[in-house]
C-alpha cells in the first residue's frame, strides 16, 4: 500500500487504515483508563469549547444549563483529538507539499465569485446548520459515521445515509451548473 495517491497526496487507504487504528486505540484506552468505552466524535467538543468560553463571562449560566449538566464542560481526550486533527492535517499538507493559504477556494470562486465576505458568511451559516444538525442527531458524522458503523449500529447506518444524501442534495443545489 503506497502512502501517496496518484496526485501526490495521502492515500485514502492508508488514511482510512490509520483512522481505524485510532478508533480501536481510543476505545481500548478509554475503556482501560476511564472504565467506560468512549468513541470518536467531535461535535460535543465544540459545544464544550463554547461552554469553556462562556464560563469566563457567565459561569452561573453554564452551571444552570441542562446540557452542560449532562455534558460536563472540560478539556478531555476528544478535545485533544480535535486539536490533533488540526495539527495532523497541517503536518500532512506540509509533507505532501499541498499546503496553501486561500481565502476563497477555486471551486467556490467559480460558482460565487471572489468575494471573501460572501465566502465567510457562507462558511459561518454552513457551520451553524452543521452544528444544529449534529446536535439534533445527538452526534456528528464522525461520531455516527465512524463510531456508529464500527459498532454496526442501526442509527449509525441511518445517520450516515442521511449525511450523504443531504450532502449530495446540498452540493447539487450549491454547485449546480449555470445555464448559458
N, C-alpha and C. Protein backbone atom coordinates (compact mmCIF):
# COMPACT_ATOMS: atom_id res chain seq x y z
N UNK A 1 0.86 -1.16 0.00
CA UNK A 1 0.00 0.00 0.00
C UNK A 1 0.91 1.23 0.00
N UNK A 2 0.82 2.04 -1.03
CA UNK A 2 1.64 3.24 -1.16
C UNK A 2 1.09 4.33 -0.26
N UNK A 3 1.99 5.09 0.42
CA UNK A 3 1.50 6.17 1.28
C UNK A 3 1.00 7.38 0.50
N UNK A 4 1.17 7.39 -0.83
CA UNK A 4 0.75 8.53 -1.63
C UNK A 4 -0.33 8.13 -2.63
N UNK A 5 -1.18 9.07 -2.96
CA UNK A 5 -2.17 8.85 -4.01
C UNK A 5 -1.57 9.30 -5.34
N UNK A 6 -2.31 9.14 -6.42
CA UNK A 6 -1.79 9.47 -7.75
C UNK A 6 -1.47 10.95 -7.90
N UNK A 7 -2.13 11.83 -7.11
CA UNK A 7 -1.84 13.26 -7.21
C UNK A 7 -0.79 13.72 -6.21
N UNK A 8 -0.12 12.77 -5.56
CA UNK A 8 0.93 13.12 -4.60
C UNK A 8 0.43 13.30 -3.18
N UNK A 9 -0.90 13.26 -2.98
CA UNK A 9 -1.46 13.40 -1.64
C UNK A 9 -1.44 12.06 -0.91
N UNK A 10 -2.00 12.06 0.27
CA UNK A 10 -2.04 10.84 1.08
C UNK A 10 -2.99 9.84 0.45
N UNK A 11 -2.65 8.58 0.55
CA UNK A 11 -3.51 7.51 0.06
C UNK A 11 -4.75 7.42 0.94
N UNK A 12 -5.93 7.39 0.35
CA UNK A 12 -7.14 7.26 1.17
C UNK A 12 -7.18 5.93 1.91
N UNK A 13 -6.52 4.91 1.37
CA UNK A 13 -6.49 3.60 2.02
C UNK A 13 -5.64 3.66 3.29
N UNK A 14 -4.49 4.32 3.19
CA UNK A 14 -3.63 4.48 4.36
C UNK A 14 -4.32 5.34 5.42
N UNK A 15 -4.91 6.45 4.98
CA UNK A 15 -5.61 7.33 5.92
C UNK A 15 -6.76 6.60 6.60
N UNK A 16 -7.53 5.81 5.84
CA UNK A 16 -8.63 5.04 6.42
C UNK A 16 -8.14 4.01 7.41
N UNK A 17 -7.05 3.34 7.08
CA UNK A 17 -6.47 2.35 8.00
C UNK A 17 -6.01 3.02 9.29
N UNK A 18 -5.42 4.19 9.17
CA UNK A 18 -4.96 4.92 10.37
C UNK A 18 -6.13 5.36 11.23
N UNK A 19 -7.23 5.78 10.61
CA UNK A 19 -8.43 6.14 11.39
C UNK A 19 -8.96 4.91 12.11
N UNK A 20 -8.95 3.76 11.45
CA UNK A 20 -9.38 2.51 12.09
C UNK A 20 -8.53 2.18 13.30
N UNK A 21 -7.21 2.32 13.16
CA UNK A 21 -6.30 2.08 14.28
C UNK A 21 -6.59 3.07 15.40
N UNK A 22 -6.79 4.35 15.05
CA UNK A 22 -7.10 5.38 16.06
C UNK A 22 -8.38 5.01 16.81
N UNK A 23 -9.40 4.55 16.09
CA UNK A 23 -10.67 4.19 16.74
C UNK A 23 -10.48 3.05 17.72
N UNK A 24 -9.74 2.03 17.32
CA UNK A 24 -9.50 0.89 18.21
C UNK A 24 -8.71 1.32 19.43
N UNK A 25 -7.66 2.11 19.22
CA UNK A 25 -6.83 2.58 20.34
C UNK A 25 -7.66 3.47 21.27
N UNK A 26 -8.52 4.34 20.70
CA UNK A 26 -9.31 5.23 21.56
C UNK A 26 -10.28 4.45 22.44
N UNK A 27 -10.95 3.44 21.88
CA UNK A 27 -11.87 2.64 22.70
C UNK A 27 -11.10 1.86 23.75
N UNK A 28 -9.98 1.26 23.35
CA UNK A 28 -9.17 0.50 24.30
C UNK A 28 -8.65 1.40 25.43
N UNK A 29 -8.09 2.55 25.05
CA UNK A 29 -7.51 3.45 26.06
C UNK A 29 -8.57 4.00 27.00
N UNK A 30 -9.73 4.43 26.45
CA UNK A 30 -10.75 5.00 27.33
C UNK A 30 -11.40 3.92 28.19
N UNK A 31 -11.51 2.71 27.68
CA UNK A 31 -12.05 1.61 28.48
C UNK A 31 -11.09 1.28 29.62
N UNK A 32 -9.80 1.23 29.30
CA UNK A 32 -8.79 0.88 30.29
C UNK A 32 -8.60 2.01 31.30
N UNK A 33 -8.50 3.26 30.81
CA UNK A 33 -8.19 4.39 31.69
C UNK A 33 -9.42 4.97 32.39
N UNK A 34 -10.54 5.03 31.68
CA UNK A 34 -11.72 5.68 32.25
C UNK A 34 -12.78 4.69 32.74
N UNK A 35 -12.62 3.43 32.39
CA UNK A 35 -13.58 2.43 32.84
C UNK A 35 -14.83 2.36 31.99
N UNK A 36 -14.89 3.15 30.92
CA UNK A 36 -16.04 3.09 30.01
C UNK A 36 -15.53 3.35 28.61
N UNK A 37 -16.10 2.69 27.64
CA UNK A 37 -15.67 2.88 26.25
C UNK A 37 -16.17 4.20 25.70
N UNK A 38 -15.28 5.00 25.19
CA UNK A 38 -15.65 6.25 24.53
C UNK A 38 -15.27 6.15 23.07
N UNK A 39 -16.11 6.68 22.23
CA UNK A 39 -15.91 6.55 20.81
C UNK A 39 -15.56 7.89 20.19
N UNK A 40 -15.07 7.81 18.94
CA UNK A 40 -14.70 9.03 18.23
C UNK A 40 -15.91 9.91 18.00
N UNK A 41 -15.70 11.19 18.10
CA UNK A 41 -16.74 12.17 17.84
C UNK A 41 -16.16 13.55 18.01
N UNK A 42 -16.83 14.55 17.46
CA UNK A 42 -16.28 15.90 17.52
C UNK A 42 -17.28 16.95 17.98
N UNK A 43 -18.55 16.80 17.65
CA UNK A 43 -19.49 17.90 17.87
C UNK A 43 -19.64 18.27 19.34
N UNK A 44 -19.61 17.31 20.24
CA UNK A 44 -19.71 17.61 21.67
C UNK A 44 -18.54 18.47 22.12
N UNK A 45 -17.38 18.25 21.53
CA UNK A 45 -16.20 19.03 21.89
C UNK A 45 -16.38 20.50 21.55
N UNK A 46 -16.99 20.79 20.41
CA UNK A 46 -17.20 22.19 20.04
C UNK A 46 -18.18 22.87 21.00
N UNK A 47 -19.20 22.13 21.42
CA UNK A 47 -20.15 22.68 22.39
C UNK A 47 -19.46 22.90 23.73
N UNK A 48 -18.61 21.96 24.14
CA UNK A 48 -17.85 22.13 25.38
C UNK A 48 -16.91 23.34 25.30
N UNK A 49 -16.30 23.53 24.13
CA UNK A 49 -15.42 24.70 23.94
C UNK A 49 -16.21 25.99 24.11
N UNK A 50 -17.44 26.01 23.56
CA UNK A 50 -18.30 27.18 23.74
C UNK A 50 -18.62 27.37 25.22
N UNK A 51 -18.86 26.26 25.92
CA UNK A 51 -19.11 26.34 27.36
C UNK A 51 -17.91 26.86 28.13
N UNK A 52 -16.71 26.45 27.73
CA UNK A 52 -15.50 26.96 28.38
C UNK A 52 -15.37 28.47 28.20
N UNK A 53 -15.65 28.93 26.98
CA UNK A 53 -15.60 30.38 26.73
C UNK A 53 -16.69 31.10 27.51
N UNK A 54 -17.87 30.52 27.55
CA UNK A 54 -18.99 31.14 28.25
C UNK A 54 -18.76 31.20 29.76
N UNK A 55 -18.04 30.22 30.29
CA UNK A 55 -17.74 30.21 31.72
C UNK A 55 -16.96 31.44 32.15
N UNK A 56 -16.19 32.00 31.26
CA UNK A 56 -15.38 33.17 31.61
C UNK A 56 -16.23 34.41 31.82
N UNK A 57 -17.41 34.49 31.17
CA UNK A 57 -18.26 35.68 31.29
C UNK A 57 -19.56 35.43 32.06
N UNK A 58 -20.06 34.21 32.03
CA UNK A 58 -21.33 33.92 32.70
C UNK A 58 -21.30 32.51 33.30
N UNK A 59 -20.46 32.29 34.32
CA UNK A 59 -20.35 30.94 34.89
C UNK A 59 -21.66 30.41 35.48
N UNK A 60 -22.51 31.30 35.99
CA UNK A 60 -23.78 30.86 36.58
C UNK A 60 -24.72 30.32 35.51
N UNK A 61 -24.65 30.87 34.30
CA UNK A 61 -25.49 30.38 33.20
C UNK A 61 -25.04 28.97 32.79
N UNK A 62 -23.74 28.75 32.72
CA UNK A 62 -23.22 27.43 32.36
C UNK A 62 -23.60 26.41 33.44
N UNK A 63 -23.49 26.80 34.69
CA UNK A 63 -23.82 25.90 35.79
C UNK A 63 -25.30 25.51 35.79
N UNK A 64 -26.17 26.43 35.32
CA UNK A 64 -27.61 26.16 35.31
C UNK A 64 -28.08 25.49 34.02
N UNK A 65 -27.26 25.43 33.01
CA UNK A 65 -27.63 24.89 31.71
C UNK A 65 -27.76 23.37 31.77
N UNK A 66 -28.93 22.85 31.36
CA UNK A 66 -29.19 21.40 31.43
C UNK A 66 -28.19 20.60 30.59
N UNK A 67 -27.86 21.12 29.40
CA UNK A 67 -26.93 20.39 28.54
C UNK A 67 -25.57 20.26 29.21
N UNK A 68 -25.10 21.35 29.81
CA UNK A 68 -23.79 21.32 30.45
C UNK A 68 -23.78 20.53 31.76
N UNK A 69 -24.96 20.28 32.30
CA UNK A 69 -25.03 19.37 33.45
C UNK A 69 -24.80 17.93 32.97
N UNK A 70 -25.34 17.63 31.78
CA UNK A 70 -25.19 16.28 31.22
C UNK A 70 -23.78 16.11 30.62
N UNK A 71 -23.36 17.05 29.80
CA UNK A 71 -22.05 17.02 29.14
C UNK A 71 -21.16 18.03 29.85
N UNK A 72 -20.35 17.56 30.77
CA UNK A 72 -19.52 18.45 31.57
C UNK A 72 -18.61 19.30 30.69
N UNK A 73 -18.45 20.56 31.07
CA UNK A 73 -17.56 21.47 30.36
C UNK A 73 -16.14 21.16 30.82
N UNK A 74 -15.34 20.60 29.90
CA UNK A 74 -13.98 20.20 30.27
C UNK A 74 -13.14 19.97 29.01
N UNK A 75 -11.86 19.92 29.24
CA UNK A 75 -10.94 19.53 28.17
C UNK A 75 -10.64 18.06 28.41
N UNK A 76 -11.09 17.21 27.47
CA UNK A 76 -10.89 15.78 27.61
C UNK A 76 -10.12 15.25 26.41
N UNK A 77 -10.05 13.94 26.27
CA UNK A 77 -9.27 13.36 25.19
C UNK A 77 -9.87 13.69 23.83
N UNK A 78 -11.20 13.81 23.74
CA UNK A 78 -11.81 14.17 22.47
C UNK A 78 -11.46 15.61 22.09
N UNK A 79 -11.36 16.47 23.07
CA UNK A 79 -10.93 17.85 22.83
C UNK A 79 -9.52 17.84 22.23
N UNK A 80 -8.67 16.99 22.78
CA UNK A 80 -7.30 16.90 22.28
C UNK A 80 -7.26 16.29 20.88
N UNK A 81 -8.21 15.40 20.56
CA UNK A 81 -8.27 14.85 19.20
C UNK A 81 -8.59 15.95 18.19
N UNK A 82 -9.47 16.89 18.55
CA UNK A 82 -9.79 18.00 17.64
C UNK A 82 -8.53 18.81 17.37
N UNK A 83 -7.77 19.09 18.41
CA UNK A 83 -6.50 19.81 18.22
C UNK A 83 -5.56 18.96 17.36
N UNK A 84 -5.54 17.65 17.62
CA UNK A 84 -4.70 16.75 16.84
C UNK A 84 -5.10 16.68 15.38
N UNK A 85 -6.40 16.79 15.09
CA UNK A 85 -6.86 16.79 13.70
C UNK A 85 -6.26 18.00 12.97
N UNK A 86 -6.31 19.15 13.62
CA UNK A 86 -5.75 20.36 13.00
C UNK A 86 -4.24 20.21 12.79
N UNK A 87 -3.54 19.79 13.83
CA UNK A 87 -2.08 19.63 13.74
C UNK A 87 -1.72 18.55 12.72
N UNK A 88 -2.46 17.44 12.73
CA UNK A 88 -2.19 16.35 11.78
C UNK A 88 -2.45 16.76 10.34
N UNK A 89 -3.54 17.50 10.11
CA UNK A 89 -3.84 17.97 8.75
C UNK A 89 -2.77 18.94 8.27
N UNK A 90 -2.32 19.80 9.16
CA UNK A 90 -1.24 20.72 8.82
C UNK A 90 0.04 19.97 8.49
N UNK A 91 0.38 19.00 9.31
CA UNK A 91 1.60 18.20 9.07
C UNK A 91 1.49 17.41 7.76
N UNK A 92 0.31 16.82 7.50
CA UNK A 92 0.12 16.05 6.26
C UNK A 92 0.25 16.95 5.04
N UNK A 93 -0.35 18.14 5.11
CA UNK A 93 -0.27 19.05 3.96
C UNK A 93 1.14 19.58 3.76
N UNK A 94 1.90 19.65 4.84
CA UNK A 94 3.30 20.06 4.71
C UNK A 94 4.14 18.95 4.08
N UNK A 95 3.87 17.71 4.47
CA UNK A 95 4.68 16.60 3.95
C UNK A 95 4.42 16.33 2.48
N UNK A 96 3.18 16.54 2.00
CA UNK A 96 2.92 16.31 0.58
C UNK A 96 2.95 17.61 -0.23
N UNK A 97 3.37 18.69 0.42
CA UNK A 97 3.55 19.99 -0.25
C UNK A 97 2.26 20.56 -0.84
N UNK A 98 1.12 20.25 -0.24
CA UNK A 98 -0.15 20.75 -0.76
C UNK A 98 -0.67 21.94 0.05
N UNK A 99 0.05 22.34 1.10
CA UNK A 99 -0.42 23.43 1.95
C UNK A 99 -0.40 24.75 1.20
N UNK A 100 -1.48 25.49 1.30
CA UNK A 100 -1.52 26.85 0.76
C UNK A 100 -2.63 27.61 1.47
N UNK A 101 -2.41 28.88 1.68
CA UNK A 101 -3.44 29.73 2.27
C UNK A 101 -4.30 30.28 1.14
N UNK A 102 -5.60 30.13 1.27
CA UNK A 102 -6.51 30.70 0.29
C UNK A 102 -7.78 31.13 1.01
N UNK A 103 -8.18 32.37 0.76
CA UNK A 103 -9.38 32.87 1.43
C UNK A 103 -10.64 32.44 0.70
N UNK A 104 -10.52 32.20 -0.60
CA UNK A 104 -11.67 31.74 -1.38
C UNK A 104 -11.21 30.55 -2.23
N UNK A 105 -11.71 29.35 -1.95
CA UNK A 105 -11.32 28.17 -2.73
C UNK A 105 -11.71 28.33 -4.20
N UNK A 106 -10.94 27.76 -5.11
CA UNK A 106 -11.22 27.91 -6.54
C UNK A 106 -12.63 27.47 -6.95
N UNK A 107 -13.12 26.38 -6.39
CA UNK A 107 -14.46 25.88 -6.74
C UNK A 107 -15.53 26.88 -6.32
N UNK A 108 -15.37 27.47 -5.14
CA UNK A 108 -16.31 28.49 -4.66
C UNK A 108 -16.24 29.71 -5.56
N UNK A 109 -15.02 30.14 -5.90
CA UNK A 109 -14.85 31.33 -6.74
C UNK A 109 -15.52 31.16 -8.10
N UNK A 110 -15.41 29.97 -8.69
CA UNK A 110 -16.05 29.71 -9.98
C UNK A 110 -17.56 29.89 -9.89
N UNK A 111 -18.13 29.47 -8.78
CA UNK A 111 -19.59 29.48 -8.65
C UNK A 111 -20.13 30.81 -8.12
N UNK A 112 -19.43 31.40 -7.13
CA UNK A 112 -19.97 32.56 -6.44
C UNK A 112 -19.14 33.83 -6.55
N UNK A 113 -17.99 33.73 -7.18
CA UNK A 113 -17.14 34.92 -7.33
C UNK A 113 -16.07 35.00 -6.25
N UNK A 114 -15.22 36.02 -6.34
CA UNK A 114 -14.05 36.10 -5.45
C UNK A 114 -14.29 36.79 -4.11
N UNK A 115 -15.51 37.11 -3.75
CA UNK A 115 -15.79 37.86 -2.52
C UNK A 115 -15.45 37.05 -1.26
N UNK A 116 -14.51 37.58 -0.48
CA UNK A 116 -14.13 36.94 0.78
C UNK A 116 -15.29 37.04 1.78
N UNK A 117 -15.98 38.17 1.79
CA UNK A 117 -17.11 38.36 2.70
C UNK A 117 -18.22 37.36 2.45
N UNK A 118 -18.56 37.16 1.17
CA UNK A 118 -19.61 36.19 0.82
C UNK A 118 -19.19 34.79 1.25
N UNK A 119 -17.91 34.46 1.06
CA UNK A 119 -17.39 33.14 1.46
C UNK A 119 -17.46 32.99 2.97
N UNK A 120 -17.09 34.04 3.71
CA UNK A 120 -17.13 33.99 5.18
C UNK A 120 -18.55 33.80 5.68
N UNK A 121 -19.49 34.52 5.10
CA UNK A 121 -20.90 34.38 5.50
C UNK A 121 -21.40 32.97 5.19
N UNK A 122 -21.05 32.46 3.99
CA UNK A 122 -21.45 31.10 3.62
C UNK A 122 -20.87 30.06 4.56
N UNK A 123 -19.60 30.21 4.92
CA UNK A 123 -18.96 29.26 5.83
C UNK A 123 -19.59 29.34 7.22
N UNK A 124 -19.87 30.55 7.69
CA UNK A 124 -20.46 30.74 9.01
C UNK A 124 -21.86 30.13 9.07
N UNK A 125 -22.69 30.42 8.07
CA UNK A 125 -24.04 29.86 8.05
C UNK A 125 -24.01 28.34 7.88
N UNK A 126 -23.10 27.85 7.05
CA UNK A 126 -22.96 26.40 6.90
C UNK A 126 -22.55 25.73 8.20
N UNK A 127 -21.66 26.39 8.94
CA UNK A 127 -21.25 25.86 10.24
C UNK A 127 -22.40 25.81 11.23
N UNK A 128 -23.24 26.83 11.21
CA UNK A 128 -24.41 26.84 12.10
C UNK A 128 -25.34 25.68 11.75
N UNK A 129 -25.63 25.52 10.46
CA UNK A 129 -26.52 24.43 10.03
C UNK A 129 -25.93 23.08 10.42
N UNK A 130 -24.62 22.90 10.20
CA UNK A 130 -23.98 21.63 10.53
C UNK A 130 -24.03 21.37 12.04
N UNK A 131 -23.79 22.39 12.85
CA UNK A 131 -23.79 22.20 14.29
C UNK A 131 -25.19 21.92 14.83
N UNK A 132 -26.19 22.64 14.31
CA UNK A 132 -27.57 22.38 14.73
C UNK A 132 -27.96 20.95 14.35
N UNK A 133 -27.60 20.55 13.13
CA UNK A 133 -27.90 19.18 12.70
C UNK A 133 -27.21 18.14 13.56
N UNK A 134 -25.95 18.40 13.91
CA UNK A 134 -25.22 17.45 14.75
C UNK A 134 -25.85 17.35 16.13
N UNK A 135 -26.30 18.47 16.67
CA UNK A 135 -26.95 18.43 17.98
C UNK A 135 -28.30 17.73 17.89
N UNK A 136 -29.05 17.97 16.81
CA UNK A 136 -30.35 17.31 16.66
C UNK A 136 -30.17 15.80 16.52
N UNK A 137 -29.11 15.38 15.83
CA UNK A 137 -28.85 13.95 15.64
C UNK A 137 -28.15 13.34 16.85
N UNK A 138 -27.82 14.18 17.83
CA UNK A 138 -27.08 13.77 19.02
C UNK A 138 -25.73 13.16 18.63
N UNK A 139 -25.11 13.75 17.64
CA UNK A 139 -23.79 13.32 17.22
C UNK A 139 -23.47 13.82 15.82
N UNK A 140 -22.21 13.83 15.52
CA UNK A 140 -21.73 14.34 14.24
C UNK A 140 -21.39 13.19 13.29
N UNK A 141 -21.03 13.51 12.06
CA UNK A 141 -20.67 12.43 11.12
C UNK A 141 -19.55 11.53 11.64
N UNK A 142 -18.58 12.09 12.34
CA UNK A 142 -17.52 11.22 12.86
C UNK A 142 -18.05 10.32 13.96
N UNK A 143 -18.92 10.85 14.80
CA UNK A 143 -19.48 10.03 15.86
C UNK A 143 -20.41 8.95 15.34
N UNK A 144 -21.40 9.36 14.54
CA UNK A 144 -22.34 8.38 13.99
C UNK A 144 -21.70 7.55 12.88
N UNK A 145 -21.02 8.23 11.97
CA UNK A 145 -20.49 7.56 10.79
C UNK A 145 -19.37 6.60 11.10
N UNK A 146 -18.39 7.05 11.88
CA UNK A 146 -17.26 6.18 12.19
C UNK A 146 -17.58 5.25 13.36
N UNK A 147 -17.88 5.84 14.49
CA UNK A 147 -18.11 5.02 15.69
C UNK A 147 -19.38 4.18 15.58
N UNK A 148 -20.43 4.78 15.02
CA UNK A 148 -21.68 4.03 14.87
C UNK A 148 -21.54 2.84 13.94
N UNK A 149 -20.84 3.03 12.82
CA UNK A 149 -20.66 1.92 11.89
C UNK A 149 -19.70 0.88 12.45
N UNK A 150 -18.71 1.31 13.24
CA UNK A 150 -17.80 0.32 13.85
C UNK A 150 -18.55 -0.61 14.79
N UNK A 151 -19.63 -0.10 15.37
CA UNK A 151 -20.43 -0.91 16.28
C UNK A 151 -21.59 -1.58 15.53
N UNK A 152 -21.67 -1.36 14.22
CA UNK A 152 -22.76 -1.87 13.38
C UNK A 152 -24.12 -1.43 13.91
N UNK A 153 -24.18 -0.19 14.40
CA UNK A 153 -25.41 0.33 14.97
C UNK A 153 -26.35 0.80 13.86
N UNK A 154 -27.62 0.50 13.99
CA UNK A 154 -28.62 0.91 13.01
C UNK A 154 -28.63 2.44 12.90
N UNK A 155 -28.54 3.14 14.03
CA UNK A 155 -28.55 4.61 13.98
C UNK A 155 -27.34 5.14 13.22
N UNK A 156 -26.22 4.45 13.30
CA UNK A 156 -25.03 4.85 12.55
C UNK A 156 -25.26 4.75 11.05
N UNK A 157 -25.88 3.64 10.61
CA UNK A 157 -26.18 3.47 9.19
C UNK A 157 -27.20 4.51 8.71
N UNK A 158 -28.24 4.74 9.51
CA UNK A 158 -29.26 5.71 9.13
C UNK A 158 -28.66 7.11 9.07
N UNK A 159 -27.91 7.48 10.11
CA UNK A 159 -27.32 8.82 10.15
C UNK A 159 -26.35 9.02 8.99
N UNK A 160 -25.49 8.05 8.73
CA UNK A 160 -24.52 8.19 7.64
C UNK A 160 -25.24 8.29 6.29
N UNK A 161 -26.30 7.50 6.10
CA UNK A 161 -27.09 7.60 4.88
C UNK A 161 -27.69 8.99 4.71
N UNK A 162 -28.19 9.55 5.80
CA UNK A 162 -28.76 10.90 5.77
C UNK A 162 -27.69 11.94 5.49
N UNK A 163 -26.52 11.81 6.14
CA UNK A 163 -25.43 12.77 5.91
C UNK A 163 -25.05 12.80 4.43
N UNK A 164 -24.89 11.61 3.84
CA UNK A 164 -24.51 11.54 2.43
C UNK A 164 -25.62 12.07 1.53
N UNK A 165 -26.85 11.66 1.79
CA UNK A 165 -27.98 12.08 0.95
C UNK A 165 -28.16 13.59 0.97
N UNK A 166 -28.18 14.16 2.14
CA UNK A 166 -28.35 15.61 2.25
C UNK A 166 -27.13 16.34 1.70
N UNK A 167 -25.95 15.80 1.92
CA UNK A 167 -24.73 16.41 1.37
C UNK A 167 -24.75 16.45 -0.14
N UNK A 168 -25.19 15.37 -0.76
CA UNK A 168 -25.28 15.32 -2.23
C UNK A 168 -26.34 16.31 -2.72
N UNK A 169 -27.47 16.37 -2.03
CA UNK A 169 -28.54 17.29 -2.39
C UNK A 169 -28.06 18.74 -2.29
N UNK A 170 -27.44 19.10 -1.19
CA UNK A 170 -26.98 20.47 -0.99
C UNK A 170 -25.86 20.82 -1.99
N UNK A 171 -24.94 19.90 -2.20
CA UNK A 171 -23.87 20.15 -3.18
C UNK A 171 -24.47 20.37 -4.57
N UNK A 172 -25.51 19.61 -4.91
CA UNK A 172 -26.18 19.80 -6.19
C UNK A 172 -26.84 21.16 -6.29
N UNK A 173 -27.45 21.61 -5.20
CA UNK A 173 -28.09 22.93 -5.20
C UNK A 173 -27.05 24.06 -5.25
N UNK A 174 -26.00 23.93 -4.46
CA UNK A 174 -25.00 24.99 -4.38
C UNK A 174 -24.14 25.07 -5.64
N UNK A 175 -23.73 23.92 -6.14
CA UNK A 175 -22.80 23.90 -7.27
C UNK A 175 -23.45 23.50 -8.60
N UNK A 176 -24.76 23.67 -8.70
CA UNK A 176 -25.43 23.31 -9.95
C UNK A 176 -24.84 24.15 -11.08
N UNK A 177 -24.89 23.58 -12.26
CA UNK A 177 -24.33 24.29 -13.44
C UNK A 177 -25.27 25.42 -13.83
N UNK A 178 -24.67 26.52 -14.17
CA UNK A 178 -25.46 27.65 -14.68
C UNK A 178 -25.77 27.39 -16.15
N UNK A 179 -26.95 27.77 -16.54
CA UNK A 179 -27.32 27.63 -17.96
C UNK A 179 -26.71 28.78 -18.73
N UNK A 180 -26.12 28.45 -19.88
CA UNK A 180 -25.50 29.53 -20.66
C UNK A 180 -26.35 29.92 -21.83
